[in-house]
Amino acid sequence: MKNLMNLNLHKCILFTHNLGSFDGYLIFKGLLELPGVNIDKVNSIIDELPKFIAIDINWRNTKLIFKDSLRVFPVSLVELCKVFEVEGKLFPYNPEFNKISLFDNKELLAQFIEYSKQDSICLLKALTKAQDIYLIEHKVDIATIWSTSTLSFKIFRQGFLDINIPTLTKKLDDLIRLAYIGGSTDYYLKYGEDLKHYDVNSLYPKAMCNPMPIEFLGESEGVNVRLEDIFGFAEARITAPDNLTIPLLPFKVFNETLHPLGSWIGIYFTEELKAVEKFGYRIELIKVYNFSKANIFNKYIDYFYGIKKVSTGAMRLIAKMHLNQIYGYFGRRRTLIETRNVYKKDLMKYYGSYTIFSEIDVNEQISTLLMSSNLDYDLINEIKDYTQLDLMTSFRKVKSNVAIAAAVTAYARIEMIQYKVLPNIKLYYTDTDSIFVDKDLPSNLIGDDLGQMKDELGGGLIGKAYFLGIKKYGYIDQNGLVHSVFSGVERNSLTWDEIERIADGNIIEKNSPAKFYKNIDNLNINIKDQLKLSIQFKTSKNLVGNTYRTRFIHFDFLMQVDFYLQIIKNRIINLINKYQLK
């Protein structure tokens, strides 16, 4: 801090690589414990995970703002240095750095200091190169940026957007958000041999080249319109054909995304309803939310995809980032998390008055309260009814348009339908942008162009494979190498014998490598040398022979539960109960 003050700067931006999950814990706590600090002058922005987005302090005559370069360039520091061609880490992290005895070992301490300095130096060099590229190519100062999506949107707005994109009302945002489902991932057959693995070239950028919903034009009753004549979003009663072996339309229920058979009511992008209607789905429109449409991303996609196709290193990383991240800007939640630092002696002034859902224990004197702003009115009333307290929440405008984000993800799912219905090709597993099948795809579907498939094994075959659930599969490639993807487990860390044992119903235990474990409640970071992980075969589908049977459902009402908001509500009520404020 002393060295920073000697620079005599009015404002200083400091980037750390992984502020959200590591450095932020140390920095935030350290700033609040500076001698003579005014705790009202230390602020932070935290996301819903919760992770630090930014931390700032007004200290003497300088405003210091700490940002997370990992949010802007979502790759490891080693990879960042590699792509920007700067000298990275000189030696790997030494686990001995974790021990308190470090401070008694002068040689090891000197090594740790050198390691830490090199981290900062190589990050500065990489970001300096990035800054030069963005200033020259796009006239954007990355010091003004918070994330890849905000960087992408700034470039898009300054160089490619020529119409105004309105924001949605809260009511409309809540409804359309029900159609913002995500990628289509499902599993159909348990075991296969001699399989092919294909992946789509830039699926989401391909989806973004379609017409987007722009301006809300009003509502229509479903009985008064035909599906082929509308564009926007629709609440509809869906009935899937009973004989469908590969269901095409997703449905989110109880925070789980299904591809069911049966009937249900949901809100969908109209173009996705048109796409699945061709394959026997019966669509009964209930209410339609009409939008104007325009192709707003095409020039942006053409520009960055052209760079990606011919570039390597930093330019390829930059192009790939901006192709895949921009649509997420439009899907940002309206609900925000605000922080307020308070002395513990004053805590009771805030509990019972504000919608506080978490408390960070900074030290014996200071706590930081995490408070929700832009909370749903109905949710606040639920909490008020339960607690009998007159709670307040603040409201801040959030510029987003979830209709665009929902349309992009729906177009991506539509794009994948063609690979699910190919005749005489057996489908084993689909991820958001990839498939495992038993035969070569038609040659016209394979190539280097946007949206075409590429062969992940370069013409080779998968010898044997097991598909045991969503994000749970393993296979042996043509070279005898074992590939494994099991959520929560290090990629490619399972042997084929272990995969077979899991498939046979056995529970496998794996030791994870040493990890840092963070606790947002007290800003502590602990290091655990190993953690045992249990892996077993569990599926919500019925397995008949080698085939997973799709579930039948029946929902005759619109599922409108926002589980993220329900979690916030429960946290607020739990804290109120803890302090016995009812």
Foldseek 3Di string as FASTA:
>chain_A
DVVVVVVVDQEDEAEDAFCFPPVVLVVLLVQVPPPPFDQQQWWFFADLVTTTLKIWGCDDNYIYIYGHVCQQQVDDLVQLCVLLVHDAQPDDDDPVVQDPCCVVDVVSVVVVVVRVVRSRVSVVVSVVSVQVCCCVPQVDGCSVDRHNQRVLVVSLVVPFFDDDADADDPVVLLQLVQLLDFFDWWFWFFKDFFKFKKFWFLLLLVLLQDKFFGAWDDKDFQVVDDLVPAFFKFWKKKAADPPDRDQQDWHADPNDIARFHAIAITMHGSVLVVLCVVVPMDIRTGMGTGGDIDNRCVVVSVVLLVQLVPDGRPSVSSSVSSSPRNLVLQQDDQKTKTKDKDFPVCVVVQQLAELFQAWAASDNTMIMTIGIAPADPVLVVVLCVVQVGHYDHHGDDRDHHVSRSSSSRSSSSSLCVVVVPDPPWAWGIDDRGMTMINDDDPPVQDDDDHGRMHGPQNPWTFGMKGDQTGQFIWTQTPVRQIFTGDPPDPTSPDDPVRSVCQSVFDKDKDWDAKDWDADRNHSDIDIDGTDIDIDHRDDPFDQDPRTTDGHYDDHPDYDSDDVSSVSSSVSSNVVCVVVVSD
